[in-house]
N, C-alpha and C. Protein backbone atom coordinates (compact mmCIF):
# COMPACT_ATOMS: atom_id res chain seq x y z
N MET A 1 -7.05 -12.75 -28.01
CA MET A 1 -7.54 -11.31 -27.49
C MET A 1 -6.52 -10.57 -26.80
N ALA A 2 -6.48 -9.35 -27.03
CA ALA A 2 -5.41 -8.45 -26.45
C ALA A 2 -5.79 -8.26 -24.88
N LYS A 3 -4.70 -8.07 -24.05
CA LYS A 3 -4.92 -7.85 -22.61
C LYS A 3 -5.54 -6.61 -22.47
N SER A 4 -6.57 -6.43 -21.64
CA SER A 4 -7.28 -5.11 -21.30
C SER A 4 -6.46 -4.64 -20.08
N ASP A 5 -6.41 -3.23 -20.05
CA ASP A 5 -6.01 -2.52 -18.86
C ASP A 5 -7.07 -2.05 -18.01
N TYR A 6 -8.25 -2.40 -18.21
CA TYR A 6 -9.32 -2.02 -17.38
C TYR A 6 -10.31 -3.22 -17.33
N PHE A 7 -11.27 -3.18 -16.29
CA PHE A 7 -12.32 -4.01 -16.24
C PHE A 7 -13.63 -3.31 -15.90
N ILE A 8 -14.66 -3.95 -16.42
CA ILE A 8 -16.05 -3.27 -16.16
C ILE A 8 -16.92 -4.30 -15.54
N GLY A 9 -17.81 -3.84 -14.55
CA GLY A 9 -18.68 -4.80 -13.88
C GLY A 9 -20.05 -3.97 -13.52
N GLU A 10 -20.90 -4.87 -13.00
CA GLU A 10 -22.20 -4.38 -12.61
C GLU A 10 -22.79 -5.39 -11.43
N ALA A 11 -23.57 -4.86 -10.61
CA ALA A 11 -24.07 -5.64 -9.55
C ALA A 11 -25.36 -4.95 -9.02
N LEU A 12 -26.29 -5.82 -8.61
CA LEU A 12 -27.67 -5.41 -8.12
C LEU A 12 -27.93 -6.16 -6.92
N LEU A 13 -28.30 -5.45 -5.92
CA LEU A 13 -28.70 -6.30 -4.61
C LEU A 13 -29.98 -5.58 -4.11
N GLY A 14 -30.85 -6.44 -3.60
CA GLY A 14 -32.11 -6.02 -3.02
C GLY A 14 -33.17 -5.69 -3.90
N GLU A 15 -34.17 -5.27 -3.43
CA GLU A 15 -35.57 -4.94 -4.17
C GLU A 15 -35.83 -3.57 -3.93
N ALA A 16 -36.56 -2.98 -5.04
CA ALA A 16 -37.17 -1.60 -4.85
C ALA A 16 -38.01 -1.38 -3.62
N PRO A 17 -38.07 -0.44 -2.90
CA PRO A 17 -37.13 0.80 -3.21
C PRO A 17 -35.88 0.95 -2.50
N ASN A 18 -35.48 -0.27 -2.06
CA ASN A 18 -34.10 -0.28 -1.52
C ASN A 18 -32.99 -1.03 -2.31
N LEU A 19 -33.19 -0.90 -3.70
CA LEU A 19 -32.36 -1.50 -4.50
C LEU A 19 -30.96 -0.89 -4.49
N ALA A 20 -29.89 -1.63 -4.43
CA ALA A 20 -28.50 -1.04 -4.60
C ALA A 20 -27.97 -1.42 -5.97
N HIS A 21 -27.53 -0.49 -6.73
CA HIS A 21 -27.09 -0.78 -8.10
C HIS A 21 -25.77 -0.02 -8.43
N ILE A 22 -24.76 -0.85 -8.96
CA ILE A 22 -23.51 -0.16 -9.15
C ILE A 22 -23.02 -0.66 -10.51
N ASP A 23 -22.52 0.37 -11.42
CA ASP A 23 -21.68 0.05 -12.51
C ASP A 23 -20.39 0.44 -12.02
N LEU A 24 -19.33 -0.47 -12.38
CA LEU A 24 -17.99 -0.31 -11.90
C LEU A 24 -16.91 -0.24 -12.95
N LEU A 25 -16.03 0.66 -12.98
CA LEU A 25 -14.90 0.62 -13.87
C LEU A 25 -13.72 0.66 -13.07
N ILE A 26 -12.70 -0.20 -13.42
CA ILE A 26 -11.56 -0.30 -12.60
C ILE A 26 -10.44 -0.51 -13.59
N GLY A 27 -9.40 0.46 -13.27
CA GLY A 27 -8.22 0.29 -14.24
C GLY A 27 -7.16 1.36 -13.84
N SER A 28 -6.09 1.39 -14.61
CA SER A 28 -4.94 2.16 -14.23
C SER A 28 -5.02 3.57 -14.44
N LYS A 29 -4.43 4.25 -13.52
CA LYS A 29 -4.54 5.85 -13.79
C LYS A 29 -3.99 6.21 -15.09
N ASP A 30 -2.96 5.43 -15.60
CA ASP A 30 -2.28 5.70 -16.85
C ASP A 30 -2.93 5.32 -18.16
N GLY A 31 -4.11 4.69 -17.96
CA GLY A 31 -5.07 4.28 -19.10
C GLY A 31 -6.20 4.96 -19.32
N PRO A 32 -7.16 4.34 -20.07
CA PRO A 32 -8.53 5.08 -20.35
C PRO A 32 -9.30 5.35 -19.10
N ILE A 33 -9.09 4.52 -18.06
CA ILE A 33 -9.97 4.75 -16.87
C ILE A 33 -9.37 6.04 -16.30
N GLY A 34 -8.18 6.18 -16.18
CA GLY A 34 -7.56 7.45 -15.64
C GLY A 34 -8.01 8.72 -16.37
N ILE A 35 -8.16 8.55 -17.65
CA ILE A 35 -8.59 9.76 -18.47
C ILE A 35 -10.10 9.99 -18.07
N SER A 36 -10.86 8.93 -18.03
CA SER A 36 -12.31 9.09 -17.87
C SER A 36 -12.47 9.75 -16.29
N PHE A 37 -11.75 9.17 -15.37
CA PHE A 37 -11.79 9.85 -14.07
C PHE A 37 -11.59 11.19 -14.06
N ALA A 38 -10.47 11.70 -14.68
CA ALA A 38 -10.21 13.14 -14.86
C ALA A 38 -11.37 13.90 -15.45
N ASN A 39 -11.84 13.40 -16.48
CA ASN A 39 -12.99 14.08 -17.23
C ASN A 39 -14.24 14.19 -16.38
N ALA A 40 -14.48 13.14 -15.73
CA ALA A 40 -15.89 13.11 -14.91
C ALA A 40 -15.76 14.12 -13.80
N LEU A 41 -14.42 14.26 -13.19
CA LEU A 41 -14.41 15.04 -11.97
C LEU A 41 -14.25 16.43 -12.49
N SER A 42 -13.75 16.77 -13.74
CA SER A 42 -13.61 18.19 -14.12
C SER A 42 -14.81 18.73 -15.02
N THR A 43 -15.60 17.79 -15.44
CA THR A 43 -16.69 18.24 -16.34
C THR A 43 -18.06 17.63 -15.73
N PRO A 44 -18.57 18.23 -14.68
CA PRO A 44 -19.75 17.64 -14.11
C PRO A 44 -21.01 18.00 -14.91
N SER A 45 -21.93 17.19 -15.02
CA SER A 45 -23.16 17.42 -15.60
C SER A 45 -24.37 17.63 -14.50
N LYS A 46 -25.45 18.47 -14.93
CA LYS A 46 -26.30 18.81 -14.00
C LYS A 46 -27.04 17.71 -13.33
N GLY A 47 -26.97 17.54 -12.05
CA GLY A 47 -27.60 16.48 -11.20
C GLY A 47 -26.89 15.22 -11.21
N HIS A 48 -25.58 15.26 -11.82
CA HIS A 48 -24.81 14.04 -11.77
C HIS A 48 -23.27 14.45 -11.50
N GLY A 49 -23.07 15.30 -10.70
CA GLY A 49 -21.79 15.72 -10.26
C GLY A 49 -20.96 14.49 -9.53
N ALA A 50 -19.85 14.46 -10.07
CA ALA A 50 -19.01 13.43 -9.43
C ALA A 50 -18.43 13.78 -8.16
N LEU A 51 -18.19 12.89 -7.24
CA LEU A 51 -17.52 13.17 -5.96
C LEU A 51 -16.51 12.10 -5.56
N LEU A 52 -15.66 12.45 -4.79
CA LEU A 52 -14.63 11.42 -4.24
C LEU A 52 -15.23 10.56 -3.15
N ALA A 53 -14.84 9.35 -3.22
CA ALA A 53 -15.30 8.37 -2.11
C ALA A 53 -14.49 8.74 -0.81
N ALA A 54 -15.24 9.21 0.19
CA ALA A 54 -14.67 9.69 1.40
C ALA A 54 -15.09 8.83 2.63
N ILE A 55 -14.24 8.17 3.36
CA ILE A 55 -14.52 7.56 4.63
C ILE A 55 -15.16 8.55 5.53
N ARG A 56 -14.65 9.69 5.70
CA ARG A 56 -15.10 10.79 6.59
C ARG A 56 -14.33 12.06 5.92
N PRO A 57 -14.89 13.22 6.33
CA PRO A 57 -14.22 14.38 5.66
C PRO A 57 -12.72 14.23 5.67
N ASN A 58 -12.03 14.59 4.42
CA ASN A 58 -10.80 14.58 4.36
C ASN A 58 -9.92 13.29 4.50
N LEU A 59 -10.76 12.26 4.40
CA LEU A 59 -10.18 10.89 4.57
C LEU A 59 -10.63 10.10 3.26
N LEU A 60 -9.84 10.14 2.12
CA LEU A 60 -10.35 9.51 0.89
C LEU A 60 -9.92 7.98 1.06
N SER A 61 -10.89 7.16 0.25
CA SER A 61 -10.48 5.76 0.14
C SER A 61 -9.26 5.61 -0.68
N LYS A 62 -8.47 4.59 -0.54
CA LYS A 62 -7.29 4.23 -1.36
C LYS A 62 -7.63 2.78 -1.96
N PRO A 63 -7.56 2.61 -3.19
CA PRO A 63 -7.30 3.67 -4.31
C PRO A 63 -8.29 4.77 -4.28
N VAL A 64 -7.94 5.84 -4.52
CA VAL A 64 -8.91 6.98 -4.68
C VAL A 64 -10.11 6.57 -5.71
N SER A 65 -11.35 6.91 -5.37
CA SER A 65 -12.32 6.35 -6.29
C SER A 65 -13.32 7.62 -6.37
N LEU A 66 -13.90 7.40 -7.48
CA LEU A 66 -14.98 8.46 -8.01
C LEU A 66 -16.39 7.92 -8.03
N ILE A 67 -17.30 8.53 -7.36
CA ILE A 67 -18.72 8.20 -7.37
C ILE A 67 -19.50 9.19 -8.23
N VAL A 68 -20.20 8.69 -9.34
CA VAL A 68 -21.08 9.50 -10.15
C VAL A 68 -22.42 8.94 -9.95
N PRO A 69 -23.49 9.63 -9.44
CA PRO A 69 -24.75 9.21 -9.19
C PRO A 69 -25.35 8.78 -10.51
N LYS A 70 -26.12 7.61 -10.38
CA LYS A 70 -26.84 7.12 -11.53
C LYS A 70 -28.28 7.97 -11.70
N VAL A 71 -28.81 8.41 -10.53
CA VAL A 71 -30.02 9.08 -10.77
C VAL A 71 -29.78 10.46 -10.63
N THR A 72 -30.51 11.47 -11.18
CA THR A 72 -30.45 12.68 -11.38
C THR A 72 -30.89 13.32 -9.95
N LEU A 73 -29.95 14.02 -9.34
CA LEU A 73 -30.18 14.70 -8.13
C LEU A 73 -30.81 15.99 -8.32
N THR A 74 -31.98 16.16 -7.81
CA THR A 74 -32.68 17.39 -8.16
C THR A 74 -33.13 18.34 -7.02
N ASN A 75 -32.71 17.84 -5.80
CA ASN A 75 -32.94 18.75 -4.61
C ASN A 75 -31.90 18.37 -3.50
N MET A 76 -32.02 18.95 -2.35
CA MET A 76 -31.14 18.92 -1.38
C MET A 76 -31.35 17.54 -0.66
N GLU A 77 -32.58 17.09 -0.66
CA GLU A 77 -32.92 15.72 -0.04
C GLU A 77 -32.16 14.64 -0.80
N ASP A 78 -32.18 14.86 -2.12
CA ASP A 78 -31.48 13.74 -2.89
C ASP A 78 -30.01 13.91 -2.56
N ALA A 79 -29.51 15.13 -2.77
CA ALA A 79 -28.15 15.35 -2.51
C ALA A 79 -27.54 14.83 -1.20
N ASN A 80 -28.32 15.14 -0.06
CA ASN A 80 -28.04 14.65 1.17
C ASN A 80 -27.87 13.07 1.33
N LYS A 81 -28.53 12.37 0.49
CA LYS A 81 -28.32 10.89 0.57
C LYS A 81 -27.13 10.44 -0.11
N ILE A 82 -26.69 11.27 -1.09
CA ILE A 82 -25.38 10.92 -1.80
C ILE A 82 -24.18 11.46 -1.15
N PHE A 83 -24.12 12.68 -0.83
CA PHE A 83 -23.01 13.42 -0.16
C PHE A 83 -23.02 13.14 1.23
N GLY A 84 -22.36 12.14 1.79
CA GLY A 84 -22.36 11.71 3.13
C GLY A 84 -22.59 10.38 3.27
N PRO A 85 -23.84 9.85 3.41
CA PRO A 85 -24.09 8.37 3.71
C PRO A 85 -23.65 7.53 2.51
N ALA A 86 -23.97 7.77 1.29
CA ALA A 86 -23.64 6.82 0.28
C ALA A 86 -22.28 6.94 -0.15
N GLN A 87 -21.60 8.17 0.00
CA GLN A 87 -20.19 8.59 -0.23
C GLN A 87 -19.46 7.76 0.86
N ALA A 88 -19.77 7.63 2.12
CA ALA A 88 -18.96 7.01 3.13
C ALA A 88 -19.24 5.38 3.02
N ALA A 89 -20.24 4.97 2.52
CA ALA A 89 -20.58 3.52 2.40
C ALA A 89 -19.69 3.01 1.30
N VAL A 90 -19.53 3.71 0.34
CA VAL A 90 -18.69 3.40 -0.96
C VAL A 90 -17.37 3.32 -0.44
N ALA A 91 -16.80 4.36 0.28
CA ALA A 91 -15.35 4.35 0.62
C ALA A 91 -15.19 3.22 1.49
N LYS A 92 -16.07 2.92 2.45
CA LYS A 92 -15.73 1.91 3.35
C LYS A 92 -15.82 0.68 2.73
N GLY A 93 -16.57 0.38 1.74
CA GLY A 93 -16.53 -0.87 0.97
C GLY A 93 -15.41 -0.92 0.19
N ILE A 94 -14.72 -0.08 -0.31
CA ILE A 94 -13.39 -0.06 -0.87
C ILE A 94 -12.38 -0.46 0.03
N ALA A 95 -12.30 0.19 1.20
CA ALA A 95 -11.37 -0.07 2.24
C ALA A 95 -11.48 -1.49 2.74
N ASP A 96 -12.61 -2.08 2.88
CA ASP A 96 -12.94 -3.39 3.30
C ASP A 96 -12.27 -4.41 2.13
N ALA A 97 -12.48 -4.07 0.95
CA ALA A 97 -12.12 -4.91 -0.24
C ALA A 97 -10.57 -4.86 -0.25
N VAL A 98 -9.96 -3.71 0.03
CA VAL A 98 -8.62 -3.77 0.04
C VAL A 98 -7.96 -4.67 1.21
N GLU A 99 -8.74 -4.48 2.25
CA GLU A 99 -8.19 -5.12 3.60
C GLU A 99 -8.25 -6.59 3.43
N GLU A 100 -9.42 -7.09 2.68
CA GLU A 100 -9.53 -8.60 2.53
C GLU A 100 -8.73 -9.08 1.30
N GLY A 101 -8.11 -8.12 0.57
CA GLY A 101 -7.23 -8.61 -0.61
C GLY A 101 -8.00 -8.87 -1.85
N ILE A 102 -9.24 -8.27 -1.93
CA ILE A 102 -10.05 -8.51 -3.10
C ILE A 102 -9.50 -7.51 -4.11
N ILE A 103 -9.17 -6.30 -3.78
CA ILE A 103 -8.55 -5.34 -4.65
C ILE A 103 -7.15 -4.84 -4.29
């Protein structure tokens, strides 16, 4: 089997209504993941606009990561859950994974 330059994963934690669910793509900026990253950021779809993982305003996670909501955001209440709390939580999780040597 040929070596892949990207990895795909999924994780679920908890139970409804507090279920956390992530689908994850990791890869090089120079490969298909980099192309997908640019496309997702530059061509948003209604209710599923991509946003950068930010620990706080103007402080992005390293590696820079993109969040695309799985659920359709239909109102400001939904958007306020993603833009801010979830955005920071994902970014902090990435920073923790880097610090612990996981990625």
